[in-house]
Amino acid sequence: MWFNTSTGQKLPYYNTQAKSAWWDNGSLPIWITAQRQVSHQNTTLPELGGDHERGSPHQLVTPKPNWHGVFCISHQFSSSTQNIDTVMKWFVEDDLDFVALYFGEPDSTGHKFGPESQKRKDMVRQVDRTVGYLRSRIEENTSSNRSFNLIITSDHGMETVIKENEIHLRKVQNFSFSDIQFELVDYGPSGLLVPKPGKLEQVYEALKDAHPKLHVYKKEAFPKRFHYANNSRITPLVLYSDPGYRIKVQQNLGEHGFDNAHMNMKTIFRAVGPDFRKGLEVEPFESVNVYALLCELLQITPEPHDGSLDATKYMLAKNAGVTFLVL
């Protein structure tokens, strides 16, 4: 959910994809960085629906004869093998160097039925088979003059929640939404509030001890380890709940967005290819470091970022290959 606290407007992210005002937040997508460093040419792939330079993740970048890049998103997991065939065709016929492919599962099933449900376990097996199909297509297209790095990762884990663990702000004593100018608290374990002028202290005092599983902070006091509150888009009051609890009413049986120190919020990282050492098992690292790794593989200079190549460079071998990122 995208929001504008000054206007009170809220939009699902898919309604904002072609609108620069929502996406131009000072951070550059990696495909735009690559494009700017080697050329100014850009071609949009109409069949993927992309029509916005910075925000749309549906672009074919054509910077120079020997460097291409694609960022492809698939929201329908049912068409995942077809999308794999499509991007492998791009690699082979268009000589691409970078593709990022997104699968919307098992996230969707985990939300709807819960991460421990049989339906989610079945979906994990289906995703595993799809990754196997991807590996086989890569093997088919690997040759003496064409090789691939494959990175498989995700943006979060998933936690089980139950209806009895809902935290209802409307039931909090001395708190009223009539004192709130803007709120975003309908989407799981976190919340953002803008109290009306002169109401900040009153709202904060009412909420800070309202529930033992609810954590309420003024923006400037939000824990630094989250690297979250130091942005103009973050509201004066920030809320989050403990794992398994959600704020207000959300029908999902699985959620993410809890404290990332919690084990169930962690994800996987797998990498294979000529640029990676074989058989290496690594210590956990923060996902923010993946960006620097991708820039190293693509041989481009990173934009300012919060990660470090030091967290991943020991994984790397010397040979070069094209890069495939699966989310």
C-alpha atoms as a PDB file:
ATOM      1  CA  MET A   1       0.000   0.000   0.000  1.00  0.00           C
ATOM      2  CA  TRP A   2       1.465   3.344  -1.090  1.00  0.00           C
ATOM      3  CA  PHE A   3       0.461   6.424   0.871  1.00  0.00           C
ATOM      4  CA  ASN A   4       0.808  10.192   0.864  1.00  0.00           C
ATOM      5  CA  THR A   5       0.465  11.634   4.350  1.00  0.00           C
ATOM      6  CA  SER A   6       0.022  15.194   3.117  1.00  0.00           C
ATOM      7  CA  THR A   7      -3.030  14.322   1.018  1.00  0.00           C
ATOM      8  CA  GLY A   8      -4.225  11.233   2.889  1.00  0.00           C
ATOM      9  CA  GLN A   9      -4.223   9.274  -0.356  1.00  0.00           C
ATOM     10  CA  LYS A  10      -3.599   5.508  -0.240  1.00  0.00           C
ATOM     11  CA  LEU A  11      -3.226   3.299  -3.302  1.00  0.00           C
ATOM     12  CA  PRO A  12      -2.414  -0.364  -3.899  1.00  0.00           C
ATOM     13  CA  TYR A  13       1.068  -0.493  -5.399  1.00  0.00           C
ATOM     14  CA  TYR A  14      -0.149  -1.828  -8.763  1.00  0.00           C
ATOM     15  CA  ASN A  15      -2.125   1.407  -9.266  1.00  0.00           C
ATOM     16  CA  THR A  16       1.085   3.446  -9.011  1.00  0.00           C
ATOM     17  CA  GLN A  17       3.441   1.601 -11.349  1.00  0.00           C
ATOM     18  CA  ALA A  18       3.344   4.112 -14.190  1.00  0.00           C
ATOM     19  CA  LYS A  19       3.315   7.228 -11.974  1.00  0.00           C
ATOM     20  CA  SER A  20       6.649   8.867 -11.231  1.00  0.00           C
ATOM     21  CA  ALA A  21       5.394  10.740  -8.179  1.00  0.00           C
ATOM     22  CA  TRP A  22       5.024   7.463  -6.275  1.00  0.00           C
ATOM     23  CA  TRP A  23       8.296   5.837  -7.312  1.00  0.00           C
ATOM     24  CA  ASP A  24      10.794   8.693  -7.426  1.00  0.00           C
ATOM     25  CA  ASN A  25      12.027   8.452  -3.836  1.00  0.00           C
ATOM     26  CA  GLY A  26      15.732   9.037  -4.408  1.00  0.00           C
ATOM     27  CA  SER A  27      16.656   5.378  -4.840  1.00  0.00           C
ATOM     28  CA  LEU A  28      17.595   4.034  -8.271  1.00  0.00           C
ATOM     29  CA  PRO A  29      16.692   0.512  -9.392  1.00  0.00           C
ATOM     30  CA  ILE A  30      19.766  -1.468 -10.369  1.00  0.00           C
ATOM     31  CA  TRP A  31      18.710  -1.689 -14.033  1.00  0.00           C
ATOM     32  CA  ILE A  32      18.538   2.112 -14.260  1.00  0.00           C
ATOM     33  CA  THR A  33      21.998   2.388 -12.684  1.00  0.00           C
ATOM     34  CA  ALA A  34      23.380  -0.037 -15.258  1.00  0.00           C
ATOM     35  CA  GLN A  35      21.672   1.856 -18.065  1.00  0.00           C
ATOM     36  CA  ARG A  36      23.029   5.235 -16.970  1.00  0.00           C
ATOM     37  CA  GLN A  37      26.573   4.001 -16.552  1.00  0.00           C
ATOM     38  CA  VAL A  38      26.880   2.539 -20.017  1.00  0.00           C
ATOM     39  CA  SER A  39      24.334   4.303 -22.216  1.00  0.00           C
ATOM     40  CA  HIS A  40      21.170   6.383 -22.341  1.00  0.00           C
ATOM     41  CA  GLN A  41      19.165   4.038 -24.529  1.00  0.00           C
ATOM     42  CA  ASN A  42      16.055   2.382 -23.194  1.00  0.00           C
ATOM     43  CA  THR A  43      13.382   0.158 -24.690  1.00  0.00           C
ATOM     44  CA  THR A  44      10.189  -0.805 -22.918  1.00  0.00           C
ATOM     45  CA  LEU A  45       8.681  -4.258 -23.294  1.00  0.00           C
ATOM     46  CA  PRO A  46       5.000  -3.562 -24.050  1.00  0.00           C
ATOM     47  CA  GLU A  47       3.943  -7.174 -23.500  1.00  0.00           C
ATOM     48  CA  LEU A  48       5.042  -6.816 -19.855  1.00  0.00           C
ATOM     49  CA  GLY A  49       3.149  -3.575 -19.361  1.00  0.00           C
ATOM     50  CA  GLY A  50       6.072  -1.337 -18.446  1.00  0.00           C
ATOM     51  CA  ASP A  51       5.832   2.342 -19.288  1.00  0.00           C
ATOM     52  CA  HIS A  52       7.736   4.224 -16.599  1.00  0.00           C
ATOM     53  CA  GLU A  53      11.489   4.709 -16.585  1.00  0.00           C
ATOM     54  CA  ARG A  54      12.257   4.616 -12.858  1.00  0.00           C
ATOM     55  CA  GLY A  55       9.355   2.843 -11.285  1.00  0.00           C
ATOM     56  CA  SER A  56       8.191   0.198 -13.690  1.00  0.00           C
ATOM     57  CA  PRO A  57      10.132  -3.013 -13.259  1.00  0.00           C
ATOM     58  CA  HIS A  58       9.305  -4.123 -16.808  1.00  0.00           C
ATOM     59  CA  GLN A  59      12.104  -2.852 -18.998  1.00  0.00           C
ATOM     60  CA  LEU A  60      14.553  -3.984 -21.603  1.00  0.00           C
ATOM     61  CA  VAL A  61      17.661  -1.822 -21.352  1.00  0.00           C
ATOM     62  CA  THR A  62      19.887  -1.727 -24.429  1.00  0.00           C
ATOM     63  CA  PRO A  63      23.024   0.142 -23.329  1.00  0.00           C
ATOM     64  CA  LYS A  64      25.705  -1.159 -25.726  1.00  0.00           C
ATOM     65  CA  PRO A  65      26.164  -4.071 -28.138  1.00  0.00           C
ATOM     66  CA  ASN A  66      27.500  -6.451 -25.490  1.00  0.00           C
ATOM     67  CA  TRP A  67      25.480  -5.372 -22.450  1.00  0.00           C
ATOM     68  CA  HIS A  68      21.748  -5.844 -22.058  1.00  0.00           C
ATOM     69  CA  GLY A  69      19.487  -6.048 -19.042  1.00  0.00           C
ATOM     70  CA  VAL A  70      15.954  -7.127 -18.298  1.00  0.00           C
ATOM     71  CA  PHE A  71      13.866  -6.934 -15.169  1.00  0.00           C
ATOM     72  CA  CYS A  72      10.788  -9.131 -15.482  1.00  0.00           C
ATOM     73  CA  ILE A  73       8.037  -9.627 -12.916  1.00  0.00           C
ATOM     74  CA  SER A  74       5.431 -12.374 -12.911  1.00  0.00           C
ATOM     75  CA  HIS A  75       2.542 -12.108 -10.457  1.00  0.00           C
ATOM     76  CA  GLN A  76       0.786 -15.250 -11.708  1.00  0.00           C
ATOM     77  CA  PHE A  77       2.675 -18.297 -10.530  1.00  0.00           C
ATOM     78  CA  SER A  78       0.593 -20.489 -12.842  1.00  0.00           C
ATOM     79  CA  SER A  79       2.508 -18.993 -15.790  1.00  0.00           C
ATOM     80  CA  SER A  80       5.945 -19.321 -14.185  1.00  0.00           C
ATOM     81  CA  THR A  81       7.323 -21.966 -16.553  1.00  0.00           C
ATOM     82  CA  GLN A  82       6.142 -19.891 -19.503  1.00  0.00           C
ATOM     83  CA  ASN A  83       7.966 -16.876 -18.072  1.00  0.00           C
ATOM     84  CA  ILE A  84      11.099 -18.969 -17.600  1.00  0.00           C
ATOM     85  CA  ASP A  85      10.917 -19.972 -21.267  1.00  0.00           C
ATOM     86  CA  THR A  86      10.466 -16.313 -22.210  1.00  0.00           C
ATOM     87  CA  VAL A  87      13.475 -15.003 -20.327  1.00  0.00           C
ATOM     88  CA  MET A  88      15.681 -17.894 -21.447  1.00  0.00           C
ATOM     89  CA  LYS A  89      14.738 -16.938 -25.002  1.00  0.00           C
ATOM     90  CA  TRP A  90      15.845 -13.378 -24.204  1.00  0.00           C
ATOM     91  CA  PHE A  91      19.157 -14.666 -22.932  1.00  0.00           C
ATOM     92  CA  VAL A  92      19.772 -16.786 -26.008  1.00  0.00           C
ATOM     93  CA  GLU A  93      18.345 -14.620 -28.798  1.00  0.00           C
ATOM     94  CA  ASP A  94      18.949 -11.115 -27.403  1.00  0.00           C
ATOM     95  CA  ASP A  95      22.226 -11.846 -25.587  1.00  0.00           C
ATOM     96  CA  LEU A  96      21.033 -10.416 -22.278  1.00  0.00           C
ATOM     97  CA  ASP A  97      23.205 -10.103 -19.190  1.00  0.00           C
ATOM     98  CA  PHE A  98      20.699  -9.648 -16.367  1.00  0.00           C
ATOM     99  CA  VAL A  99      17.197 -10.890 -15.637  1.00  0.00           C
ATOM    100  CA  ALA A 100      15.272 -10.719 -12.364  1.00  0.00           C
ATOM    101  CA  LEU A 101      12.243 -12.992 -12.198  1.00  0.00           C
ATOM    102  CA  TYR A 102       9.651 -12.798  -9.424  1.00  0.00           C
ATOM    103  CA  PHE A 103       7.375 -15.614  -8.266  1.00  0.00           C
ATOM    104  CA  GLY A 104       4.323 -14.607  -6.205  1.00  0.00           C
ATOM    105  CA  GLU A 105       4.326 -17.979  -4.441  1.00  0.00           C
ATOM    106  CA  PRO A 106       4.522 -19.376  -1.827  1.00  0.00           C
ATOM    107  CA  ASP A 107       3.836 -15.876  -0.435  1.00  0.00           C
ATOM    108  CA  SER A 108       0.192 -15.679  -1.528  1.00  0.00           C
ATOM    109  CA  THR A 109      -0.694 -19.135  -0.245  1.00  0.00           C
ATOM    110  CA  GLY A 110       1.183 -18.501   3.006  1.00  0.00           C
ATOM    111  CA  HIS A 111      -0.849 -15.350   3.626  1.00  0.00           C
ATOM    112  CA  LYS A 112      -4.184 -16.970   2.872  1.00  0.00           C
ATOM    113  CA  PHE A 113      -3.809 -20.318   4.609  1.00  0.00           C
ATOM    114  CA  GLY A 114      -0.862 -19.821   6.981  1.00  0.00           C
ATOM    115  CA  PRO A 115       2.767 -20.928   6.633  1.00  0.00           C
ATOM    116  CA  GLU A 116       2.218 -24.259   8.424  1.00  0.00           C
ATOM    117  CA  SER A 117      -0.813 -25.251   6.342  1.00  0.00           C
ATOM    118  CA  GLN A 118      -0.763 -28.219   3.982  1.00  0.00           C
ATOM    119  CA  LYS A 119      -1.694 -25.949   1.080  1.00  0.00           C
ATOM    120  CA  ARG A 120       1.394 -23.851   1.675  1.00  0.00           C
ATOM    121  CA  LYS A 121       3.596 -26.945   1.976  1.00  0.00           C
ATOM    122  CA  ASP A 122       2.177 -28.230  -1.313  1.00  0.00           C
ATOM    123  CA  MET A 123       2.895 -24.863  -2.928  1.00  0.00           C
ATOM    124  CA  VAL A 124       6.503 -24.962  -1.705  1.00  0.00           C
ATOM    125  CA  ARG A 125       6.872 -28.304  -3.490  1.00  0.00           C
ATOM    126  CA  GLN A 126       5.406 -26.787  -6.627  1.00  0.00           C
ATOM    127  CA  VAL A 127       7.820 -23.847  -6.447  1.00  0.00           C
ATOM    128  CA  ASP A 128      10.655 -26.325  -5.937  1.00  0.00           C
ATOM    129  CA  ARG A 129       9.671 -28.139  -9.122  1.00  0.00           C
ATOM    130  CA  THR A 130       9.583 -24.806 -10.963  1.00  0.00           C
ATOM    131  CA  VAL A 131      13.080 -23.949  -9.760  1.00  0.00           C
ATOM    132  CA  GLY A 132      14.125 -27.386 -10.983  1.00  0.00           C
ATOM    133  CA  TYR A 133      12.681 -26.522 -14.385  1.00  0.00           C
ATOM    134  CA  LEU A 134      14.642 -23.256 -14.345  1.00  0.00           C
ATOM    135  CA  ARG A 135      17.853 -25.123 -13.497  1.00  0.00           C
ATOM    136  CA  SER A 136      17.269 -27.545 -16.344  1.00  0.00           C
ATOM    137  CA  ARG A 137      16.683 -24.716 -18.859  1.00  0.00           C
ATOM    138  CA  ILE A 138      19.877 -23.022 -17.689  1.00  0.00           C
ATOM    139  CA  GLU A 139      21.794 -26.277 -18.144  1.00  0.00           C
ATOM    140  CA  GLU A 140      20.357 -26.705 -21.636  1.00  0.00           C
ATOM    141  CA  ASN A 141      21.587 -23.237 -22.637  1.00  0.00           C
ATOM    142  CA  THR A 142      25.008 -23.336 -20.992  1.00  0.00           C
ATOM    143  CA  SER A 143      27.894 -23.657 -23.414  1.00  0.00           C
ATOM    144  CA  SER A 144      31.583 -22.873 -23.717  1.00  0.00           C
ATOM    145  CA  ASN A 145      30.747 -19.263 -24.564  1.00  0.00           C
ATOM    146  CA  ARG A 146      27.601 -18.835 -22.481  1.00  0.00           C
ATOM    147  CA  SER A 147      27.243 -19.433 -18.733  1.00  0.00           C
ATOM    148  CA  PHE A 148      24.866 -18.290 -16.020  1.00  0.00           C
ATOM    149  CA  ASN A 149      24.949 -17.258 -12.384  1.00  0.00           C
ATOM    150  CA  LEU A 150      21.685 -18.087 -10.613  1.00  0.00           C
ATOM    151  CA  ILE A 151      20.727 -16.398  -7.333  1.00  0.00           C
ATOM    152  CA  ILE A 152      17.581 -17.499  -5.503  1.00  0.00           C
ATOM    153  CA  THR A 153      16.391 -15.437  -2.557  1.00  0.00           C
ATOM    154  CA  SER A 154      13.337 -13.694  -1.106  1.00  0.00           C
ATOM    155  CA  ASP A 155      12.356 -10.526   0.726  1.00  0.00           C
ATOM    156  CA  HIS A 156      10.912 -12.043   3.909  1.00  0.00           C
ATOM    157  CA  GLY A 157       9.670 -15.097   5.765  1.00  0.00           C
ATOM    158  CA  MET A 158       6.188 -15.789   7.092  1.00  0.00           C
ATOM    159  CA  GLU A 159       4.624 -16.050  10.558  1.00  0.00           C
ATOM    160  CA  THR A 160       1.385 -17.728  11.638  1.00  0.00           C
ATOM    161  CA  VAL A 161      -1.228 -15.407  13.136  1.00  0.00           C
ATOM    162  CA  ILE A 162      -4.597 -16.223  14.654  1.00  0.00           C
ATOM    163  CA  LYS A 163      -7.737 -14.149  15.049  1.00  0.00           C
ATOM    164  CA  GLU A 164      -7.453 -14.106  18.844  1.00  0.00           C
ATOM    165  CA  ASN A 165      -4.175 -12.205  18.496  1.00  0.00           C
ATOM    166  CA  GLU A 166      -5.675  -9.125  16.870  1.00  0.00           C
ATOM    167  CA  ILE A 167      -4.848  -5.813  18.556  1.00  0.00           C
ATOM    168  CA  HIS A 168      -7.875  -3.508  18.207  1.00  0.00           C
ATOM    169  CA  LEU A 169      -6.851   0.124  18.527  1.00  0.00           C
ATOM    170  CA  ARG A 170     -10.486   1.236  18.708  1.00  0.00           C
ATOM    171  CA  LYS A 171     -10.769  -0.553  22.037  1.00  0.00           C
ATOM    172  CA  VAL A 172      -7.815   1.300  23.589  1.00  0.00           C
ATOM    173  CA  GLN A 173      -8.820   3.564  26.451  1.00  0.00           C
ATOM    174  CA  ASN A 174      -8.337   7.312  25.830  1.00  0.00           C
ATOM    175  CA  PHE A 175      -7.559   6.710  22.137  1.00  0.00           C
ATOM    176  CA  SER A 176      -9.780   7.896  19.291  1.00  0.00           C
ATOM    177  CA  PHE A 177      -9.274   7.960  15.540  1.00  0.00           C
ATOM    178  CA  SER A 178     -10.884  11.401  15.649  1.00  0.00           C
ATOM    179  CA  ASP A 179      -7.470  12.582  16.912  1.00  0.00           C
ATOM    180  CA  ILE A 180      -5.725  11.135  13.857  1.00  0.00           C
ATOM    181  CA  GLN A 181      -5.087  13.047  10.645  1.00  0.00           C
ATOM    182  CA  PHE A 182      -3.720  10.033   8.723  1.00  0.00           C
ATOM    183  CA  GLU A 183      -3.470   6.335   9.557  1.00  0.00           C
ATOM    184  CA  LEU A 184      -2.223   3.190   7.915  1.00  0.00           C
ATOM    185  CA  VAL A 185      -2.848   0.289  10.281  1.00  0.00           C
ATOM    186  CA  ASP A 186      -4.992  -2.179   8.358  1.00  0.00           C
ATOM    187  CA  TYR A 187      -2.291  -4.332   6.814  1.00  0.00           C
ATOM    188  CA  GLY A 188      -0.808  -6.591   9.470  1.00  0.00           C
ATOM    189  CA  PRO A 189       1.877  -6.133  12.104  1.00  0.00           C
ATOM    190  CA  SER A 190       2.838  -2.500  11.570  1.00  0.00           C
ATOM    191  CA  GLY A 191       1.167   0.888  11.674  1.00  0.00           C
ATOM    192  CA  LEU A 192       1.800   4.527  10.783  1.00  0.00           C
ATOM    193  CA  LEU A 193      -0.070   7.404  12.415  1.00  0.00           C
ATOM    194  CA  VAL A 194      -0.149  11.158  11.908  1.00  0.00           C
ATOM    195  CA  PRO A 195      -1.969  12.757  14.872  1.00  0.00           C
ATOM    196  CA  LYS A 196      -3.819  15.993  14.312  1.00  0.00           C
ATOM    197  CA  PRO A 197      -1.968  19.196  15.310  1.00  0.00           C
ATOM    198  CA  GLY A 198      -1.452  19.313  19.067  1.00  0.00           C
ATOM    199  CA  LYS A 199      -2.511  15.676  19.560  1.00  0.00           C
ATOM    200  CA  LEU A 200       0.850  13.877  19.254  1.00  0.00           C
ATOM    201  CA  GLU A 201       1.572  13.526  22.983  1.00  0.00           C
ATOM    202  CA  GLN A 202      -1.996  12.578  23.806  1.00  0.00           C
ATOM    203  CA  VAL A 203      -2.097   9.835  21.196  1.00  0.00           C
ATOM    204  CA  TYR A 204       1.344   8.556  22.135  1.00  0.00           C
ATOM    205  CA  GLU A 205       0.510   8.348  25.835  1.00  0.00           C
ATOM    206  CA  ALA A 206      -2.730   6.517  25.090  1.00  0.00           C
ATOM    207  CA  LEU A 207      -1.074   3.883  22.890  1.00  0.00           C
ATOM    208  CA  LYS A 208       2.397   3.295  24.324  1.00  0.00           C
ATOM    209  CA  ASP A 209       1.229   0.846  27.011  1.00  0.00           C
ATOM    210  CA  ALA A 210      -2.060  -0.177  25.407  1.00  0.00           C
ATOM    211  CA  HIS A 211      -1.121  -3.814  24.745  1.00  0.00           C
ATOM    212  CA  PRO A 212       1.843  -5.945  25.907  1.00  0.00           C
ATOM    213  CA  LYS A 213       2.487  -7.109  22.332  1.00  0.00           C
ATOM    214  CA  LEU A 214       2.245  -3.661  20.745  1.00  0.00           C
ATOM    215  CA  HIS A 215       5.271  -1.359  20.448  1.00  0.00           C
ATOM    216  CA  VAL A 216       4.661   2.347  19.876  1.00  0.00           C
ATOM    217  CA  TYR A 217       7.430   4.842  19.123  1.00  0.00           C
ATOM    218  CA  LYS A 218       7.826   8.435  18.175  1.00  0.00           C
ATOM    219  CA  LYS A 219       9.636   8.501  14.865  1.00  0.00           C
ATOM    220  CA  GLU A 220      12.879   9.857  16.313  1.00  0.00           C
ATOM    221  CA  ALA A 221      12.990   7.120  18.953  1.00  0.00           C
ATOM    222  CA  PHE A 222      12.281   4.182  16.651  1.00  0.00           C
ATOM    223  CA  PRO A 223      15.018   1.514  17.080  1.00  0.00           C
ATOM    224  CA  LYS A 224      17.965   2.345  14.837  1.00  0.00           C
ATOM    225  CA  ARG A 225      18.607  -1.296  13.990  1.00  0.00           C
ATOM    226  CA  PHE A 226      15.531  -1.299  11.755  1.00  0.00           C
ATOM    227  CA  HIS A 227      16.968   1.430   9.487  1.00  0.00           C
ATOM    228  CA  TYR A 228      13.405   2.512   8.897  1.00  0.00           C
ATOM    229  CA  ALA A 229      12.385   5.813  10.436  1.00  0.00           C
ATOM    230  CA  ASN A 230      14.968   8.198   8.983  1.00  0.00           C
ATOM    231  CA  ASN A 231      12.861   9.200   6.004  1.00  0.00           C
ATOM    232  CA  SER A 232      10.452  12.024   5.305  1.00  0.00           C
ATOM    233  CA  ARG A 233       7.740   9.523   4.358  1.00  0.00           C
ATOM    234  CA  ILE A 234       7.685   7.922   7.807  1.00  0.00           C
ATOM    235  CA  THR A 235       5.008   9.319  10.106  1.00  0.00           C
ATOM    236  CA  PRO A 236       5.482  10.880  13.593  1.00  0.00           C
ATOM    237  CA  LEU A 237       4.236   7.690  15.283  1.00  0.00           C
ATOM    238  CA  VAL A 238       5.332   4.203  14.249  1.00  0.00           C
ATOM    239  CA  LEU A 239       3.777   0.987  15.587  1.00  0.00           C
ATOM    240  CA  TYR A 240       4.615  -2.689  15.306  1.00  0.00           C
ATOM    241  CA  SER A 241       3.409  -5.858  16.985  1.00  0.00           C
ATOM    242  CA  ASP A 242       5.207  -8.961  18.197  1.00  0.00           C
ATOM    243  CA  PRO A 243       5.363 -12.006  15.895  1.00  0.00           C
ATOM    244  CA  GLY A 244       1.980 -13.700  15.607  1.00  0.00           C
ATOM    245  CA  TYR A 245       0.018 -10.543  16.478  1.00  0.00           C
ATOM    246  CA  ARG A 246      -1.542  -8.114  14.050  1.00  0.00           C
ATOM    247  CA  ILE A 247      -2.955  -4.632  14.439  1.00  0.00           C
ATOM    248  CA  LYS A 248      -6.704  -4.165  13.799  1.00  0.00           C
ATOM    249  CA  VAL A 249      -8.502  -6.626  11.521  1.00  0.00           C
ATOM    250  CA  GLN A 250      -6.600  -8.504   8.840  1.00  0.00           C
ATOM    251  CA  GLN A 251      -7.989 -11.766   7.494  1.00  0.00           C
ATOM    252  CA  ASN A 252      -4.654 -13.363   6.585  1.00  0.00           C
ATOM    253  CA  LEU A 253      -3.549 -16.449   8.497  1.00  0.00           C
ATOM    254  CA  GLY A 254       0.075 -15.726   7.659  1.00  0.00           C
ATOM    255  CA  GLU A 255       1.925 -12.413   7.865  1.00  0.00           C
ATOM    256  CA  HIS A 256       5.351 -10.828   7.538  1.00  0.00           C
ATOM    257  CA  GLY A 257       6.709  -7.441   8.496  1.00  0.00           C
ATOM    258  CA  PHE A 258       7.492  -8.414  12.081  1.00  0.00           C
ATOM    259  CA  ASP A 259      10.855  -7.773  13.738  1.00  0.00           C
ATOM    260  CA  ASN A 260      13.446  -9.082  11.287  1.00  0.00           C
ATOM    261  CA  ALA A 261      15.451 -10.571  14.156  1.00  0.00           C
ATOM    262  CA  HIS A 262      12.680 -13.149  14.553  1.00  0.00           C
ATOM    263  CA  MET A 263      13.649 -16.490  12.973  1.00  0.00           C
ATOM    264  CA  ASN A 264      10.438 -16.865  10.964  1.00  0.00           C
ATOM    265  CA  MET A 265      11.113 -13.557   9.217  1.00  0.00           C
ATOM    266  CA  LYS A 266      14.387 -14.835   7.772  1.00  0.00           C
ATOM    267  CA  THR A 267      14.683 -16.151   4.253  1.00  0.00           C
ATOM    268  CA  ILE A 268      16.982 -18.199   2.034  1.00  0.00           C
ATOM    269  CA  PHE A 269      19.907 -17.343  -0.201  1.00  0.00           C
ATOM    270  CA  ARG A 270      21.214 -19.769  -2.805  1.00  0.00           C
ATOM    271  CA  ALA A 271      23.733 -18.972  -5.527  1.00  0.00           C
ATOM    272  CA  VAL A 272      25.292 -21.185  -8.186  1.00  0.00           C
ATOM    273  CA  GLY A 273      27.323 -20.451 -11.306  1.00  0.00           C
ATOM    274  CA  PRO A 274      30.810 -19.727 -12.588  1.00  0.00           C
ATOM    275  CA  ASP A 275      31.227 -16.631 -10.412  1.00  0.00           C
ATOM    276  CA  PHE A 276      30.493 -18.549  -7.197  1.00  0.00           C
ATOM    277  CA  ARG A 277      32.598 -20.966  -5.198  1.00  0.00           C
ATOM    278  CA  LYS A 278      31.202 -24.492  -5.143  1.00  0.00           C
ATOM    279  CA  GLY A 279      29.941 -26.267  -2.036  1.00  0.00           C
ATOM    280  CA  LEU A 280      30.264 -23.219   0.204  1.00  0.00           C
ATOM    281  CA  GLU A 281      27.944 -22.830   3.193  1.00  0.00           C
ATOM    282  CA  VAL A 282      27.946 -19.246   4.481  1.00  0.00           C
ATOM    283  CA  GLU A 283      26.979 -17.546   7.703  1.00  0.00           C
ATOM    284  CA  PRO A 284      23.721 -15.519   7.758  1.00  0.00           C
ATOM    285  CA  PHE A 285      23.875 -12.003   6.321  1.00  0.00           C
ATOM    286  CA  GLU A 286      21.370  -9.208   5.815  1.00  0.00           C
ATOM    287  CA  SER A 287      19.542  -9.077   2.493  1.00  0.00           C
ATOM    288  CA  VAL A 288      20.521  -5.439   2.035  1.00  0.00           C
ATOM    289  CA  ASN A 289      23.954  -6.760   1.027  1.00  0.00           C
ATOM    290  CA  VAL A 290      22.615  -8.524  -2.080  1.00  0.00           C
ATOM    291  CA  TYR A 291      22.589  -5.229  -4.007  1.00  0.00           C
ATOM    292  CA  ALA A 292      26.363  -4.788  -3.791  1.00  0.00           C
ATOM    293  CA  LEU A 293      26.842  -8.399  -4.863  1.00  0.00           C
ATOM    294  CA  LEU A 294      24.703  -7.873  -7.969  1.00  0.00           C
ATOM    295  CA  CYS A 295      26.630  -4.729  -8.861  1.00  0.00           C
ATOM    296  CA  GLU A 296      29.891  -6.661  -8.561  1.00  0.00           C
ATOM    297  CA  LEU A 297      28.587  -9.426 -10.820  1.00  0.00           C
ATOM    298  CA  LEU A 298      27.349  -6.889 -13.378  1.00  0.00           C
ATOM    299  CA  GLN A 299      30.548  -4.829 -13.111  1.00  0.00           C
ATOM    300  CA  ILE A 300      28.752  -1.565 -12.415  1.00  0.00           C
ATOM    301  CA  THR A 301      29.378   1.029  -9.704  1.00  0.00           C
ATOM    302  CA  PRO A 302      26.753   0.861  -6.924  1.00  0.00           C
ATOM    303  CA  GLU A 303      24.648   3.861  -5.979  1.00  0.00           C
ATOM    304  CA  PRO A 304      24.842   4.925  -2.300  1.00  0.00           C
ATOM    305  CA  HIS A 305      23.356   2.072  -0.305  1.00  0.00           C
ATOM    306  CA  ASP A 306      23.256   0.532   3.167  1.00  0.00           C
ATOM    307  CA  GLY A 307      24.876  -2.799   2.330  1.00  0.00           C
ATOM    308  CA  SER A 308      28.439  -3.938   1.763  1.00  0.00           C
ATOM    309  CA  LEU A 309      30.224  -6.265  -0.626  1.00  0.00           C
ATOM    310  CA  ASP A 310      32.311  -7.428   2.333  1.00  0.00           C
ATOM    311  CA  ALA A 311      29.359  -9.541   3.477  1.00  0.00           C
ATOM    312  CA  THR A 312      29.323 -11.652   0.300  1.00  0.00           C
ATOM    313  CA  LYS A 313      32.599 -11.282  -1.635  1.00  0.00           C
ATOM    314  CA  TYR A 314      34.138 -14.422  -0.135  1.00  0.00           C
ATOM    315  CA  MET A 315      31.470 -16.386  -2.040  1.00  0.00           C
ATOM    316  CA  LEU A 316      32.896 -15.309  -5.386  1.00  0.00           C
ATOM    317  CA  ALA A 317      35.231 -17.105  -7.763  1.00  0.00           C
ATOM    318  CA  LYS A 318      37.048 -15.422 -10.643  1.00  0.00           C
ATOM    319  CA  ASN A 319      35.150 -16.438 -13.787  1.00  0.00           C
ATOM    320  CA  ALA A 320      32.465 -14.188 -15.241  1.00  0.00           C
ATOM    321  CA  GLY A 321      28.991 -15.082 -16.421  1.00  0.00           C
ATOM    322  CA  VAL A 322      25.560 -13.531 -16.887  1.00  0.00           C
ATOM    323  CA  THR A 323      23.305 -13.146 -13.871  1.00  0.00           C
ATOM    324  CA  PHE A 324      19.829 -14.453 -13.169  1.00  0.00           C
ATOM    325  CA  LEU A 325      18.041 -13.335  -9.985  1.00  0.00           C
ATOM    326  CA  VAL A 326      14.924 -15.161  -8.771  1.00  0.00           C
ATOM    327  CA  LEU A 327      12.759 -13.659  -6.014  1.00  0.00           C
END
